Amino acid sequence: MAHHRQWMIRLFAVGIGIAVVRVVATPMIAILRPERIQDIMGLTFWTGWVLSVGFAELWIQVTQAAVVVSPR
C-alpha cells in the first residue's frame, strides 16, 4: 500500500505539472524576454515538471515516516 501511495503522488504531480508549466512560463517570459516564445518553451516545460515532481518526491520523503509510524 505504501508503494501505491508513492506512485499515486508522483502521478498526480505529473498530471498537475502542465498547470505548473503555465504558471512558470509567465514570469520566465517576462524575465527572459525571448524573441520567439518557441525559444523558451522547452525550458518552461522542464522547469515546471521538475518543480512539481521534485515537490512530490520531497512530500513523499517528509510524510513517509508519518505514514509508517501511524497505527491503524
Protein backbone atom coordinates (compact mmCIF):
# COMPACT_ATOMS: atom_id res chain seq x y z
CA MET A 1 0.00 0.00 0.00
CA ALA A 2 2.90 2.38 0.70
CA HIS A 3 4.27 1.91 -2.83
CA HIS A 4 0.85 2.60 -4.30
CA ARG A 5 0.63 5.84 -2.29
CA GLN A 6 4.05 6.94 -3.52
CA TRP A 7 3.23 6.25 -7.15
CA MET A 8 -0.14 8.00 -6.89
CA ILE A 9 1.58 11.10 -5.51
CA ARG A 10 4.08 11.00 -8.38
CA LEU A 11 1.34 10.54 -11.00
CA PHE A 12 -0.66 13.42 -9.52
CA ALA A 13 2.46 15.60 -9.73
CA VAL A 14 2.95 14.72 -13.40
CA GLY A 15 -0.73 15.40 -14.09
CA ILE A 16 -0.71 18.78 -12.39
CA GLY A 17 2.65 19.55 -13.98
CA ILE A 18 1.06 21.22 -17.02
CA ALA A 19 -0.59 23.79 -14.74
CA VAL A 20 2.77 24.43 -13.09
CA VAL A 21 4.34 24.82 -16.54
CA ARG A 22 1.83 27.54 -17.37
CA VAL A 23 2.37 29.34 -14.08
CA VAL A 24 6.15 29.19 -14.53
CA ALA A 25 6.02 30.29 -18.17
CA THR A 26 4.58 33.74 -17.50
CA PRO A 27 7.36 35.08 -15.25
CA MET A 28 10.04 33.34 -17.34
CA ILE A 29 8.79 35.05 -20.49
CA ALA A 30 8.67 38.40 -18.66
CA ILE A 31 12.16 37.99 -17.22
CA LEU A 32 13.99 36.41 -20.16
CA ARG A 33 12.13 38.30 -22.94
CA PRO A 34 12.78 35.82 -25.77
CA GLU A 35 12.45 36.90 -29.39
CA ARG A 36 10.14 33.95 -30.03
CA ILE A 37 8.11 32.03 -27.46
CA GLN A 38 9.32 28.77 -29.01
CA ASP A 39 12.86 29.61 -27.89
CA ILE A 40 11.88 29.27 -24.23
CA MET A 41 9.14 26.60 -24.28
CA GLY A 42 11.49 23.68 -23.58
CA LEU A 43 12.93 25.48 -20.58
CA THR A 44 9.48 26.26 -19.17
CA PHE A 45 8.31 22.67 -19.62
CA TRP A 46 11.37 21.23 -17.88
CA THR A 47 11.21 23.78 -15.09
CA GLY A 48 7.50 23.22 -14.43
CA TRP A 49 7.70 19.44 -14.38
CA VAL A 50 10.90 19.33 -12.36
CA LEU A 51 9.28 21.61 -9.77
CA SER A 52 6.09 19.57 -9.49
CA VAL A 53 7.77 16.14 -9.47
CA GLY A 54 10.54 17.42 -7.18
CA PHE A 55 7.97 18.70 -4.70
CA ALA A 56 6.17 15.34 -4.88
CA GLU A 57 9.38 13.48 -4.08
CA LEU A 58 10.04 15.84 -1.19
CA TRP A 59 6.48 15.31 0.06
CA ILE A 60 6.94 11.53 -0.10
CA GLN A 61 10.17 11.73 1.89
CA VAL A 62 8.75 14.08 4.54
CA THR A 63 5.48 12.21 5.06
CA GLN A 64 6.84 8.69 4.69
CA ALA A 65 7.83 8.44 8.37
CA ALA A 66 4.38 9.63 9.47
CA VAL A 67 2.64 7.03 7.32
CA VAL A 68 4.85 4.18 8.52
CA VAL A 69 4.65 5.10 12.22
CA SER A 70 0.92 5.80 12.46
CA PRO A 71 -1.07 2.82 13.83
CA ARG A 72 -4.22 1.52 12.17
